[in-house]
Amino acid sequence: MVINQNTGDEIVLPRQDTISFGRLDKLPDGTPANDIVITHSKPVISRWHFELRRKPDGYYLRQLSPQTTEVDGKAVAKGDEAAIEPGSEVRLANEVFLQFGAPLQEEATLYGRTLTRPPE
């Protein structure tokens, strides 16, 4: 799950290995462009800003845009990756603030293994 700190929106991440984030919602032919569309009143978010990639050891943000992006206070250059953990804060162009949390689902599948949250 991702919380957009600017709007308070809670976004459930799709169950896929690569999740795209950006301002472009559809291509001219109507095909979806990004899995998560981020809007802002100023045009500071790139059409394709970053991807969240699932790897065997966790999620990584891969920066696609030359725009400023920070993960937990550290800048991520275009083409570079940064680890994302529950609680990680991502800042886009110093305007949009996202916080990554644990998934809402009780179970998640990671490379064929089913992971179950322990009872609280």
PDB file of N, CA and C in Angstrom:
ATOM      1  N   MET A   1       0.842  -1.170   0.000  1.00  0.00           N
ATOM      2  CA  MET A   1       0.000   0.000   0.000  1.00  0.00           C
ATOM      3  C   MET A   1       0.889   1.234   0.000  1.00  0.00           C
ATOM      4  N   VAL A   2       0.415   2.281  -0.658  1.00  0.00           N
ATOM      5  CA  VAL A   2       1.097   3.563  -0.703  1.00  0.00           C
ATOM      6  C   VAL A   2       0.107   4.618  -0.253  1.00  0.00           C
ATOM      7  N   ILE A   3       0.574   5.530   0.583  1.00  0.00           N
ATOM      8  CA  ILE A   3      -0.270   6.656   0.999  1.00  0.00           C
ATOM      9  C   ILE A   3       0.300   7.916   0.370  1.00  0.00           C
ATOM     10  N   ASN A   4      -0.529   8.624  -0.394  1.00  0.00           N
ATOM     11  CA  ASN A   4      -0.140   9.916  -0.937  1.00  0.00           C
ATOM     12  C   ASN A   4      -0.352  10.927   0.190  1.00  0.00           C
ATOM     13  N   GLN A   5       0.728  11.409   0.771  1.00  0.00           N
ATOM     14  CA  GLN A   5       0.649  12.309   1.921  1.00  0.00           C
ATOM     15  C   GLN A   5       0.017  13.650   1.549  1.00  0.00           C
ATOM     16  N   ASN A   6       0.042  14.031   0.273  1.00  0.00           N
ATOM     17  CA  ASN A   6      -0.562  15.291  -0.155  1.00  0.00           C
ATOM     18  C   ASN A   6      -2.086  15.219  -0.133  1.00  0.00           C
ATOM     19  N   THR A   7      -2.632  14.062  -0.534  1.00  0.00           N
ATOM     20  CA  THR A   7      -4.080  13.932  -0.659  1.00  0.00           C
ATOM     21  C   THR A   7      -4.704  13.039   0.399  1.00  0.00           C
ATOM     22  N   GLY A   8      -3.885  12.202   1.056  1.00  0.00           N
ATOM     23  CA  GLY A   8      -4.403  11.228   2.007  1.00  0.00           C
ATOM     24  C   GLY A   8      -4.913   9.960   1.352  1.00  0.00           C
ATOM     25  N   ASP A   9      -4.820   9.887   0.014  1.00  0.00           N
ATOM     26  CA  ASP A   9      -5.287   8.693  -0.711  1.00  0.00           C
ATOM     27  C   ASP A   9      -4.445   7.486  -0.355  1.00  0.00           C
ATOM     28  N   GLU A  10      -5.103   6.347  -0.144  1.00  0.00           N
ATOM     29  CA  GLU A  10      -4.427   5.069   0.064  1.00  0.00           C
ATOM     30  C   GLU A  10      -4.540   4.277  -1.224  1.00  0.00           C
ATOM     31  N   ILE A  11      -3.400   3.853  -1.743  1.00  0.00           N
ATOM     32  CA  ILE A  11      -3.353   3.168  -3.025  1.00  0.00           C
ATOM     33  C   ILE A  11      -2.862   1.742  -2.784  1.00  0.00           C
ATOM     34  N   VAL A  12      -3.688   0.779  -3.152  1.00  0.00           N
ATOM     35  CA  VAL A  12      -3.289  -0.626  -3.039  1.00  0.00           C
ATOM     36  C   VAL A  12      -2.482  -0.965  -4.281  1.00  0.00           C
ATOM     37  N   LEU A  13      -1.306  -1.514  -4.071  1.00  0.00           N
ATOM     38  CA  LEU A  13      -0.435  -1.856  -5.194  1.00  0.00           C
ATOM     39  C   LEU A  13      -0.928  -3.112  -5.893  1.00  0.00           C
ATOM     40  N   PRO A  14      -0.902  -3.114  -7.223  1.00  0.00           N
ATOM     41  CA  PRO A  14      -1.283  -4.329  -7.943  1.00  0.00           C
ATOM     42  C   PRO A  14      -0.263  -5.434  -7.690  1.00  0.00           C
ATOM     43  N   ARG A  15      -0.706  -6.674  -7.747  1.00  0.00           N
ATOM     44  CA  ARG A  15       0.188  -7.827  -7.533  1.00  0.00           C
ATOM     45  C   ARG A  15       0.897  -8.153  -8.835  1.00  0.00           C
ATOM     46  N   GLN A  16       1.991  -7.471  -9.071  1.00  0.00           N
ATOM     47  CA  GLN A  16       2.818  -7.715 -10.247  1.00  0.00           C
ATOM     48  C   GLN A  16       4.256  -7.336  -9.918  1.00  0.00           C
ATOM     49  N   ASP A  17       5.192  -7.841 -10.704  1.00  0.00           N
ATOM     50  CA  ASP A  17       6.605  -7.658 -10.388  1.00  0.00           C
ATOM     51  C   ASP A  17       7.116  -6.249 -10.674  1.00  0.00           C
ATOM     52  N   THR A  18       6.531  -5.558 -11.637  1.00  0.00           N
ATOM     53  CA  THR A  18       6.926  -4.190 -11.952  1.00  0.00           C
ATOM     54  C   THR A  18       5.674  -3.320 -11.968  1.00  0.00           C
ATOM     55  N   ILE A  19       5.711  -2.239 -11.198  1.00  0.00           N
ATOM     56  CA  ILE A  19       4.579  -1.316 -11.087  1.00  0.00           C
ATOM     57  C   ILE A  19       5.072   0.064 -11.504  1.00  0.00           C
ATOM     58  N   SER A  20       4.436   0.649 -12.517  1.00  0.00           N
ATOM     59  CA  SER A  20       4.864   1.953 -13.013  1.00  0.00           C
ATOM     60  C   SER A  20       4.073   3.080 -12.365  1.00  0.00           C
ATOM     61  N   PHE A  21       4.776   4.178 -12.071  1.00  0.00           N
ATOM     62  CA  PHE A  21       4.199   5.376 -11.464  1.00  0.00           C
ATOM     63  C   PHE A  21       4.517   6.571 -12.355  1.00  0.00           C
ATOM     64  N   GLY A  22       3.533   7.412 -12.616  1.00  0.00           N
ATOM     65  CA  GLY A  22       3.753   8.624 -13.398  1.00  0.00           C
ATOM     66  C   GLY A  22       2.457   9.374 -13.592  1.00  0.00           C
ATOM     67  N   ARG A  23       2.539  10.509 -14.289  1.00  0.00           N
ATOM     68  CA  ARG A  23       1.339  11.339 -14.454  1.00  0.00           C
ATOM     69  C   ARG A  23       0.483  10.939 -15.645  1.00  0.00           C
ATOM     70  N   LEU A  24       1.054  10.173 -16.585  1.00  0.00           N
ATOM     71  CA  LEU A  24       0.326   9.802 -17.795  1.00  0.00           C
ATOM     72  C   LEU A  24      -0.590   8.617 -17.516  1.00  0.00           C
ATOM     73  N   ASP A  25      -1.892   8.814 -17.745  1.00  0.00           N
ATOM     74  CA  ASP A  25      -2.830   7.723 -17.475  1.00  0.00           C
ATOM     75  C   ASP A  25      -3.041   6.820 -18.688  1.00  0.00           C
ATOM     76  N   LYS A  26      -3.097   7.398 -19.894  1.00  0.00           N
ATOM     77  CA  LYS A  26      -3.338   6.588 -21.090  1.00  0.00           C
ATOM     78  C   LYS A  26      -2.489   7.094 -22.247  1.00  0.00           C
ATOM     79  N   LEU A  27      -2.143   6.155 -23.132  1.00  0.00           N
ATOM     80  CA  LEU A  27      -1.475   6.497 -24.384  1.00  0.00           C
ATOM     81  C   LEU A  27      -2.528   6.996 -25.370  1.00  0.00           C
ATOM     82  N   PRO A  28      -2.123   7.637 -26.463  1.00  0.00           N
ATOM     83  CA  PRO A  28      -3.103   8.144 -27.426  1.00  0.00           C
ATOM     84  C   PRO A  28      -4.089   7.096 -27.942  1.00  0.00           C
ATOM     85  N   ASP A  29      -3.670   5.821 -27.977  1.00  0.00           N
ATOM     86  CA  ASP A  29      -4.577   4.770 -28.458  1.00  0.00           C
ATOM     87  C   ASP A  29      -5.508   4.243 -27.368  1.00  0.00           C
ATOM     88  N   GLY A  30      -5.416   4.814 -26.147  1.00  0.00           N
ATOM     89  CA  GLY A  30      -6.286   4.402 -25.052  1.00  0.00           C
ATOM     90  C   GLY A  30      -5.692   3.353 -24.135  1.00  0.00           C
ATOM     91  N   THR A  31      -4.524   2.825 -24.471  1.00  0.00           N
ATOM     92  CA  THR A  31      -3.850   1.831 -23.645  1.00  0.00           C
ATOM     93  C   THR A  31      -3.373   2.479 -22.347  1.00  0.00           C
ATOM     94  N   PRO A  32      -3.580   1.837 -21.194  1.00  0.00           N
ATOM     95  CA  PRO A  32      -3.069   2.408 -19.936  1.00  0.00           C
ATOM     96  C   PRO A  32      -1.552   2.597 -20.001  1.00  0.00           C
ATOM     97  N   ALA A  33      -1.073   3.731 -19.477  1.00  0.00           N
ATOM     98  CA  ALA A  33       0.356   4.048 -19.520  1.00  0.00           C
ATOM     99  C   ALA A  33       1.058   3.708 -18.209  1.00  0.00           C
ATOM    100  N   ASN A  34       0.443   4.002 -17.080  1.00  0.00           N
ATOM    101  CA  ASN A  34       1.034   3.738 -15.768  1.00  0.00           C
ATOM    102  C   ASN A  34       0.049   2.951 -14.922  1.00  0.00           C
ATOM    103  N   ASP A  35       0.595   2.115 -14.044  1.00  0.00           N
ATOM    104  CA  ASP A  35      -0.257   1.368 -13.127  1.00  0.00           C
ATOM    105  C   ASP A  35      -0.808   2.281 -12.038  1.00  0.00           C
ATOM    106  N   ILE A  36       0.022   3.209 -11.559  1.00  0.00           N
ATOM    107  CA  ILE A  36      -0.382   4.185 -10.545  1.00  0.00           C
ATOM    108  C   ILE A  36      -0.197   5.570 -11.145  1.00  0.00           C
ATOM    109  N   VAL A  37      -1.288   6.310 -11.300  1.00  0.00           N
ATOM    110  CA  VAL A  37      -1.236   7.660 -11.872  1.00  0.00           C
ATOM    111  C   VAL A  37      -1.176   8.664 -10.724  1.00  0.00           C
ATOM    112  N   ILE A  38      -0.154   9.531 -10.789  1.00  0.00           N
ATOM    113  CA  ILE A  38       0.043  10.544  -9.758  1.00  0.00           C
ATOM    114  C   ILE A  38      -0.258  11.903 -10.371  1.00  0.00           C
ATOM    115  N   THR A  39      -1.200  12.605  -9.773  1.00  0.00           N
ATOM    116  CA  THR A  39      -1.560  13.922 -10.277  1.00  0.00           C
ATOM    117  C   THR A  39      -1.088  14.993  -9.306  1.00  0.00           C
ATOM    118  N   HIS A  40      -0.848  16.173  -9.851  1.00  0.00           N
ATOM    119  CA  HIS A  40      -0.438  17.319  -9.050  1.00  0.00           C
ATOM    120  C   HIS A  40      -0.849  18.564  -9.812  1.00  0.00           C
ATOM    121  N   SER A  41      -1.136  19.641  -9.097  1.00  0.00           N
ATOM    122  CA  SER A  41      -1.587  20.871  -9.742  1.00  0.00           C
ATOM    123  C   SER A  41      -0.503  21.506 -10.614  1.00  0.00           C
ATOM    124  N   LYS A  42       0.764  21.256 -10.291  1.00  0.00           N
ATOM    125  CA  LYS A  42       1.881  21.740 -11.105  1.00  0.00           C
ATOM    126  C   LYS A  42       2.397  20.570 -11.943  1.00  0.00           C
ATOM    127  N   PRO A  43       2.912  20.860 -13.155  1.00  0.00           N
ATOM    128  CA  PRO A  43       3.416  19.762 -13.997  1.00  0.00           C
ATOM    129  C   PRO A  43       4.824  19.324 -13.587  1.00  0.00           C
ATOM    130  N   VAL A  44       4.964  18.820 -12.361  1.00  0.00           N
ATOM    131  CA  VAL A  44       6.286  18.433 -11.846  1.00  0.00           C
ATOM    132  C   VAL A  44       6.534  16.929 -11.908  1.00  0.00           C
ATOM    133  N   ILE A  45       5.497  16.153 -12.100  1.00  0.00           N
ATOM    134  CA  ILE A  45       5.641  14.693 -12.173  1.00  0.00           C
ATOM    135  C   ILE A  45       5.829  14.312 -13.639  1.00  0.00           C
ATOM    136  N   SER A  46       6.811  13.478 -13.906  1.00  0.00           N
ATOM    137  CA  SER A  46       7.069  13.042 -15.279  1.00  0.00           C
ATOM    138  C   SER A  46       6.004  12.064 -15.750  1.00  0.00           C
ATOM    139  N   ARG A  47       5.875  11.942 -17.055  1.00  0.00           N
ATOM    140  CA  ARG A  47       4.893  10.999 -17.608  1.00  0.00           C
ATOM    141  C   ARG A  47       5.158   9.599 -17.093  1.00  0.00           C
ATOM    142  N   TRP A  48       6.405   9.173 -17.083  1.00  0.00           N
ATOM    143  CA  TRP A  48       6.835   7.910 -16.476  1.00  0.00           C
ATOM    144  C   TRP A  48       7.895   8.302 -15.466  1.00  0.00           C
ATOM    145  N   HIS A  49       7.538   8.352 -14.181  1.00  0.00           N
ATOM    146  CA  HIS A  49       8.447   8.898 -13.172  1.00  0.00           C
ATOM    147  C   HIS A  49       9.363   7.822 -12.578  1.00  0.00           C
ATOM    148  N   PHE A  50       8.774   6.713 -12.116  1.00  0.00           N
ATOM    149  CA  PHE A  50       9.597   5.619 -11.589  1.00  0.00           C
ATOM    150  C   PHE A  50       8.837   4.314 -11.664  1.00  0.00           C
ATOM    151  N   GLU A  51       9.577   3.233 -11.472  1.00  0.00           N
ATOM    152  CA  GLU A  51       8.983   1.901 -11.369  1.00  0.00           C
ATOM    153  C   GLU A  51       9.307   1.337 -10.001  1.00  0.00           C
ATOM    154  N   LEU A  52       8.397   0.560  -9.495  1.00  0.00           N
ATOM    155  CA  LEU A  52       8.639  -0.212  -8.286  1.00  0.00           C
ATOM    156  C   LEU A  52       8.826  -1.648  -8.764  1.00  0.00           C
ATOM    157  N   ARG A  53      10.007  -2.206  -8.489  1.00  0.00           N
ATOM    158  CA  ARG A  53      10.331  -3.549  -8.967  1.00  0.00           C
ATOM    159  C   ARG A  53      10.478  -4.510  -7.804  1.00  0.00           C
ATOM    160  N   ARG A  54       9.814  -5.658  -7.930  1.00  0.00           N
ATOM    161  CA  ARG A  54       9.912  -6.687  -6.895  1.00  0.00           C
ATOM    162  C   ARG A  54      11.046  -7.628  -7.258  1.00  0.00           C
ATOM    163  N   LYS A  55      11.944  -7.836  -6.310  1.00  0.00           N
ATOM    164  CA  LYS A  55      13.079  -8.743  -6.473  1.00  0.00           C
ATOM    165  C   LYS A  55      13.035  -9.741  -5.325  1.00  0.00           C
ATOM    166  N   PRO A  56      13.841 -10.794  -5.375  1.00  0.00           N
ATOM    167  CA  PRO A  56      13.801 -11.808  -4.310  1.00  0.00           C
ATOM    168  C   PRO A  56      14.017 -11.245  -2.906  1.00  0.00           C
ATOM    169  N   ASP A  57      14.776 -10.150  -2.780  1.00  0.00           N
ATOM    170  CA  ASP A  57      15.051  -9.595  -1.456  1.00  0.00           C
ATOM    171  C   ASP A  57      14.205  -8.367  -1.116  1.00  0.00           C
ATOM    172  N   GLY A  58      13.179  -8.057  -1.916  1.00  0.00           N
ATOM    173  CA  GLY A  58      12.288  -6.941  -1.603  1.00  0.00           C
ATOM    174  C   GLY A  58      12.023  -6.052  -2.801  1.00  0.00           C
ATOM    175  N   TYR A  59      11.416  -4.891  -2.516  1.00  0.00           N
ATOM    176  CA  TYR A  59      11.063  -3.932  -3.570  1.00  0.00           C
ATOM    177  C   TYR A  59      12.161  -2.896  -3.746  1.00  0.00           C
ATOM    178  N   TYR A  60      12.311  -2.449  -4.999  1.00  0.00           N
ATOM    179  CA  TYR A  60      13.270  -1.399  -5.325  1.00  0.00           C
ATOM    180  C   TYR A  60      12.601  -0.372  -6.219  1.00  0.00           C
ATOM    181  N   LEU A  61      12.860   0.909  -5.944  1.00  0.00           N
ATOM    182  CA  LEU A  61      12.406   1.984  -6.800  1.00  0.00           C
ATOM    183  C   LEU A  61      13.472   2.182  -7.858  1.00  0.00           C
ATOM    184  N   ARG A  62      13.092   2.149  -9.132  1.00  0.00           N
ATOM    185  CA  ARG A  62      14.008   2.444 -10.236  1.00  0.00           C
ATOM    186  C   ARG A  62      13.570   3.763 -10.842  1.00  0.00           C
ATOM    187  N   GLN A  63      14.450   4.738 -10.784  1.00  0.00           N
ATOM    188  CA  GLN A  63      14.150   6.088 -11.254  1.00  0.00           C
ATOM    189  C   GLN A  63      14.196   6.145 -12.775  1.00  0.00           C
ATOM    190  N   LEU A  64      13.112   6.623 -13.392  1.00  0.00           N
ATOM    191  CA  LEU A  64      13.019   6.742 -14.841  1.00  0.00           C
ATOM    192  C   LEU A  64      13.140   8.185 -15.310  1.00  0.00           C
ATOM    193  N   SER A  65      12.915   9.123 -14.432  1.00  0.00           N
ATOM    194  CA  SER A  65      12.813  10.539 -14.778  1.00  0.00           C
ATOM    195  C   SER A  65      14.064  11.316 -14.365  1.00  0.00           C
ATOM    196  N   PRO A  66      14.371  12.386 -15.091  1.00  0.00           N
ATOM    197  CA  PRO A  66      15.445  13.268 -14.629  1.00  0.00           C
ATOM    198  C   PRO A  66      14.989  14.178 -13.486  1.00  0.00           C
ATOM    199  N   GLN A  67      13.677  14.197 -13.194  1.00  0.00           N
ATOM    200  CA  GLN A  67      13.150  14.999 -12.083  1.00  0.00           C
ATOM    201  C   GLN A  67      13.729  14.504 -10.759  1.00  0.00           C
ATOM    202  N   THR A  68      13.756  15.357  -9.778  1.00  0.00           N
ATOM    203  CA  THR A  68      14.256  15.007  -8.453  1.00  0.00           C
ATOM    204  C   THR A  68      13.351  13.973  -7.791  1.00  0.00           C
ATOM    205  N   THR A  69      13.954  12.891  -7.299  1.00  0.00           N
ATOM    206  CA  THR A  69      13.241  11.892  -6.516  1.00  0.00           C
ATOM    207  C   THR A  69      14.148  11.495  -5.365  1.00  0.00           C
ATOM    208  N   GLU A  70      13.579  11.444  -4.164  1.00  0.00           N
ATOM    209  CA  GLU A  70      14.329  11.039  -2.978  1.00  0.00           C
ATOM    210  C   GLU A  70      13.632   9.847  -2.325  1.00  0.00           C
ATOM    211  N   VAL A  71      14.424   8.906  -1.831  1.00  0.00           N
ATOM    212  CA  VAL A  71      13.921   7.789  -1.045  1.00  0.00           C
ATOM    213  C   VAL A  71      14.554   7.909   0.330  1.00  0.00           C
ATOM    214  N   ASP A  72      13.720   8.095   1.333  1.00  0.00           N
ATOM    215  CA  ASP A  72      14.183   8.256   2.719  1.00  0.00           C
ATOM    216  C   ASP A  72      15.287   9.311   2.823  1.00  0.00           C
ATOM    217  N   GLY A  73      15.078  10.433   2.111  1.00  0.00           N
ATOM    218  CA  GLY A  73      15.993  11.571   2.198  1.00  0.00           C
ATOM    219  C   GLY A  73      17.206  11.508   1.301  1.00  0.00           C
ATOM    220  N   LYS A  74      17.358  10.439   0.514  1.00  0.00           N
ATOM    221  CA  LYS A  74      18.525  10.307  -0.366  1.00  0.00           C
ATOM    222  C   LYS A  74      18.076  10.391  -1.818  1.00  0.00           C
ATOM    223  N   ALA A  75      18.776  11.237  -2.599  1.00  0.00           N
ATOM    224  CA  ALA A  75      18.439  11.412  -4.005  1.00  0.00           C
ATOM    225  C   ALA A  75      18.721  10.132  -4.791  1.00  0.00           C
ATOM    226  N   VAL A  76      17.832   9.865  -5.752  1.00  0.00           N
ATOM    227  CA  VAL A  76      17.992   8.714  -6.640  1.00  0.00           C
ATOM    228  C   VAL A  76      18.083   9.265  -8.062  1.00  0.00           C
ATOM    229  N   ALA A  77      19.225   9.058  -8.705  1.00  0.00           N
ATOM    230  CA  ALA A  77      19.445   9.571 -10.056  1.00  0.00           C
ATOM    231  C   ALA A  77      18.725   8.705 -11.086  1.00  0.00           C
ATOM    232  N   LYS A  78      18.464   9.280 -12.253  1.00  0.00           N
ATOM    233  CA  LYS A  78      17.827   8.544 -13.344  1.00  0.00           C
ATOM    234  C   LYS A  78      18.640   7.288 -13.638  1.00  0.00           C
ATOM    235  N   GLY A  79      17.948   6.135 -13.695  1.00  0.00           N
ATOM    236  CA  GLY A  79      18.587   4.860 -13.968  1.00  0.00           C
ATOM    237  C   GLY A  79      19.053   4.112 -12.726  1.00  0.00           C
ATOM    238  N   ASP A  80      19.079   4.787 -11.570  1.00  0.00           N
ATOM    239  CA  ASP A  80      19.513   4.149 -10.331  1.00  0.00           C
ATOM    240  C   ASP A  80      18.328   3.531  -9.595  1.00  0.00           C
ATOM    241  N   GLU A  81      18.636   2.680  -8.617  1.00  0.00           N
ATOM    242  CA  GLU A  81      17.622   2.024  -7.796  1.00  0.00           C
ATOM    243  C   GLU A  81      17.874   2.304  -6.327  1.00  0.00           C
ATOM    244  N   ALA A  82      16.791   2.249  -5.541  1.00  0.00           N
ATOM    245  CA  ALA A  82      16.872   2.396  -4.086  1.00  0.00           C
ATOM    246  C   ALA A  82      15.882   1.423  -3.462  1.00  0.00           C
ATOM    247  N   ALA A  83      16.298   0.781  -2.367  1.00  0.00           N
ATOM    248  CA  ALA A  83      15.436  -0.181  -1.670  1.00  0.00           C
ATOM    249  C   ALA A  83      14.236   0.532  -1.062  1.00  0.00           C
ATOM    250  N   ILE A  84      13.071  -0.110  -1.127  1.00  0.00           N
ATOM    251  CA  ILE A  84      11.832   0.393  -0.530  1.00  0.00           C
ATOM    252  C   ILE A  84      11.378  -0.623   0.505  1.00  0.00           C
ATOM    253  N   GLU A  85      11.144  -0.151   1.708  1.00  0.00           N
ATOM    254  CA  GLU A  85      10.668  -1.000   2.803  1.00  0.00           C
ATOM    255  C   GLU A  85       9.401  -0.381   3.379  1.00  0.00           C
ATOM    256  N   PRO A  86       8.615  -1.148   4.158  1.00  0.00           N
ATOM    257  CA  PRO A  86       7.470  -0.529   4.819  1.00  0.00           C
ATOM    258  C   PRO A  86       7.937   0.670   5.641  1.00  0.00           C
ATOM    259  N   GLY A  87       7.280   1.794   5.427  1.00  0.00           N
ATOM    260  CA  GLY A  87       7.645   3.036   6.115  1.00  0.00           C
ATOM    261  C   GLY A  87       8.519   3.944   5.285  1.00  0.00           C
ATOM    262  N   SER A  88       9.051   3.457   4.155  1.00  0.00           N
ATOM    263  CA  SER A  88       9.881   4.308   3.300  1.00  0.00           C
ATOM    264  C   SER A  88       9.078   5.494   2.799  1.00  0.00           C
ATOM    265  N   GLU A  89       9.742   6.652   2.757  1.00  0.00           N
ATOM    266  CA  GLU A  89       9.122   7.874   2.246  1.00  0.00           C
ATOM    267  C   GLU A  89       9.786   8.253   0.936  1.00  0.00           C
ATOM    268  N   VAL A  90       8.959   8.513  -0.076  1.00  0.00           N
ATOM    269  CA  VAL A  90       9.438   8.887  -1.398  1.00  0.00           C
ATOM    270  C   VAL A  90       8.924  10.289  -1.696  1.00  0.00           C
ATOM    271  N   ARG A  91       9.846  11.135  -2.112  1.00  0.00           N
ATOM    272  CA  ARG A  91       9.534  12.533  -2.411  1.00  0.00           C
ATOM    273  C   ARG A  91       9.772  12.759  -3.898  1.00  0.00           C
ATOM    274  N   LEU A  92       8.754  13.214  -4.610  1.00  0.00           N
ATOM    275  CA  LEU A  92       8.844  13.444  -6.048  1.00  0.00           C
ATOM    276  C   LEU A  92       8.865  14.930  -6.336  1.00  0.00           C
ATOM    277  N   ALA A  93       9.940  15.394  -6.959  1.00  0.00           N
ATOM    278  CA  ALA A  93      10.081  16.795  -7.382  1.00  0.00           C
ATOM    279  C   ALA A  93       9.822  17.773  -6.240  1.00  0.00           C
ATOM    280  N   ASN A  94      10.116  17.372  -5.025  1.00  0.00           N
ATOM    281  CA  ASN A  94       9.903  18.200  -3.827  1.00  0.00           C
ATOM    282  C   ASN A  94       8.463  18.675  -3.666  1.00  0.00           C
ATOM    283  N   GLU A  95       7.519  17.994  -4.330  1.00  0.00           N
ATOM    284  CA  GLU A  95       6.113  18.407  -4.283  1.00  0.00           C
ATOM    285  C   GLU A  95       5.165  17.304  -3.818  1.00  0.00           C
ATOM    286  N   VAL A  96       5.435  16.059  -4.185  1.00  0.00           N
ATOM    287  CA  VAL A  96       4.551  14.941  -3.877  1.00  0.00           C
ATOM    288  C   VAL A  96       5.273  14.023  -2.906  1.00  0.00           C
ATOM    289  N   PHE A  97       4.582  13.649  -1.834  1.00  0.00           N
ATOM    290  CA  PHE A  97       5.166  12.810  -0.792  1.00  0.00           C
ATOM    291  C   PHE A  97       4.373  11.516  -0.686  1.00  0.00           C
ATOM    292  N   LEU A  98       5.062  10.398  -0.895  1.00  0.00           N
ATOM    293  CA  LEU A  98       4.443   9.083  -0.818  1.00  0.00           C
ATOM    294  C   LEU A  98       5.068   8.316   0.329  1.00  0.00           C
ATOM    295  N   GLN A  99       4.240   7.559   1.064  1.00  0.00           N
ATOM    296  CA  GLN A  99       4.761   6.696   2.117  1.00  0.00           C
ATOM    297  C   GLN A  99       4.313   5.273   1.824  1.00  0.00           C
ATOM    298  N   PHE A 100       5.283   4.366   1.822  1.00  0.00           N
ATOM    299  CA  PHE A 100       5.006   2.968   1.521  1.00  0.00           C
ATOM    300  C   PHE A 100       4.749   2.219   2.812  1.00  0.00           C
ATOM    301  N   GLY A 101       3.690   1.400   2.798  1.00  0.00           N
ATOM    302  CA  GLY A 101       3.330   0.614   3.967  1.00  0.00           C
ATOM    303  C   GLY A 101       3.195  -0.846   3.599  1.00  0.00           C
ATOM    304  N   ALA A 102       2.768  -1.645   4.552  1.00  0.00           N
ATOM    305  CA  ALA A 102       2.563  -3.074   4.332  1.00  0.00           C
ATOM    306  C   ALA A 102       1.293  -3.273   3.501  1.00  0.00           C
ATOM    307  N   PRO A 103       1.224  -4.356   2.735  1.00  0.00           N
ATOM    308  CA  PRO A 103       0.006  -4.620   1.965  1.00  0.00           C
ATOM    309  C   PRO A 103      -1.166  -4.920   2.887  1.00  0.00           C
ATOM    310  N   LEU A 104      -2.357  -4.615   2.411  1.00  0.00           N
ATOM    311  CA  LEU A 104      -3.566  -4.863   3.198  1.00  0.00           C
ATOM    312  C   LEU A 104      -3.951  -6.337   3.193  1.00  0.00           C
ATOM    313  N   GLN A 105      -3.522  -7.069   2.154  1.00  0.00           N
ATOM    314  CA  GLN A 105      -3.901  -8.470   2.055  1.00  0.00           C
ATOM    315  C   GLN A 105      -3.239  -9.275   3.170  1.00  0.00           C
ATOM    316  N   GLU A 106      -3.920 -10.308   3.615  1.00  0.00           N
ATOM    317  CA  GLU A 106      -3.368 -11.203   4.632  1.00  0.00           C
ATOM    318  C   GLU A 106      -2.277 -12.100   4.059  1.00  0.00           C
ATOM    319  N   GLU A 107      -2.361 -12.365   2.765  1.00  0.00           N
ATOM    320  CA  GLU A 107      -1.364 -13.204   2.129  1.00  0.00           C
ATOM    321  C   GLU A 107      -0.844 -12.500   0.888  1.00  0.00           C
ATOM    322  N   ALA A 108       0.410 -12.745   0.566  1.00  0.00           N
ATOM    323  CA  ALA A 108       0.999 -12.227  -0.657  1.00  0.00           C
ATOM    324  C   ALA A 108       1.867 -13.331  -1.245  1.00  0.00           C
ATOM    325  N   THR A 109       1.990 -13.339  -2.550  1.00  0.00           N
ATOM    326  CA  THR A 109       2.826 -14.341  -3.192  1.00  0.00           C
ATOM    327  C   THR A 109       4.091 -13.665  -3.676  1.00  0.00           C
ATOM    328  N   LEU A 110       5.231 -14.231  -3.329  1.00  0.00           N
ATOM    329  CA  LEU A 110       6.522 -13.708  -3.733  1.00  0.00           C
ATOM    330  C   LEU A 110       7.287 -14.840  -4.388  1.00  0.00           C
ATOM    331  N   TYR A 111       7.425 -14.760  -5.725  1.00  0.00           N
ATOM    332  CA  TYR A 111       8.154 -15.780  -6.470  1.00  0.00           C
ATOM    333  C   TYR A 111       7.698 -17.194  -6.111  1.00  0.00           C
ATOM    334  N   GLY A 112       6.385 -17.415  -6.121  1.00  0.00           N
ATOM    335  CA  GLY A 112       5.846 -18.745  -5.908  1.00  0.00           C
ATOM    336  C   GLY A 112       5.682 -19.156  -4.459  1.00  0.00           C
ATOM    337  N   ARG A 113       6.189 -18.375  -3.519  1.00  0.00           N
ATOM    338  CA  ARG A 113       6.040 -18.680  -2.090  1.00  0.00           C
ATOM    339  C   ARG A 113       4.900 -17.853  -1.537  1.00  0.00           C
ATOM    340  N   THR A 114       4.045 -18.448  -0.758  1.00  0.00           N
ATOM    341  CA  THR A 114       2.967 -17.700  -0.122  1.00  0.00           C
ATOM    342  C   THR A 114       3.428 -17.247   1.255  1.00  0.00           C
ATOM    343  N   LEU A 115       3.322 -15.971   1.485  1.00  0.00           N
ATOM    344  CA  LEU A 115       3.722 -15.386   2.758  1.00  0.00           C
ATOM    345  C   LEU A 115       2.462 -15.001   3.501  1.00  0.00           C
ATOM    346  N   THR A 116       2.333 -15.398   4.739  1.00  0.00           N
ATOM    347  CA  THR A 116       1.163 -15.082   5.548  1.00  0.00           C
ATOM    348  C   THR A 116       1.588 -14.206   6.712  1.00  0.00           C
ATOM    349  N   ARG A 117       0.837 -13.131   6.924  1.00  0.00           N
ATOM    350  CA  ARG A 117       1.128 -12.269   8.061  1.00  0.00           C
ATOM    351  C   ARG A 117       0.830 -13.020   9.346  1.00  0.00           C
ATOM    352  N   PRO A 118       1.702 -12.884  10.357  1.00  0.00           N
ATOM    353  CA  PRO A 118       1.428 -13.539  11.630  1.00  0.00           C
ATOM    354  C   PRO A 118       0.225 -12.901  12.315  1.00  0.00           C
ATOM    355  N   PRO A 119      -0.517 -13.664  13.125  1.00  0.00           N
ATOM    356  CA  PRO A 119      -1.661 -13.082  13.828  1.00  0.00           C
ATOM    357  C   PRO A 119      -1.187 -12.017  14.811  1.00  0.00           C
ATOM    358  N   GLU A 120      -2.027 -11.005  14.980  1.00  0.00           N
ATOM    359  CA  GLU A 120      -1.675  -9.895  15.885  1.00  0.00           C
ATOM    360  C   GLU A 120      -2.113 -10.172  17.304  1.00  0.00           C
TER     361      GLU A 120
END
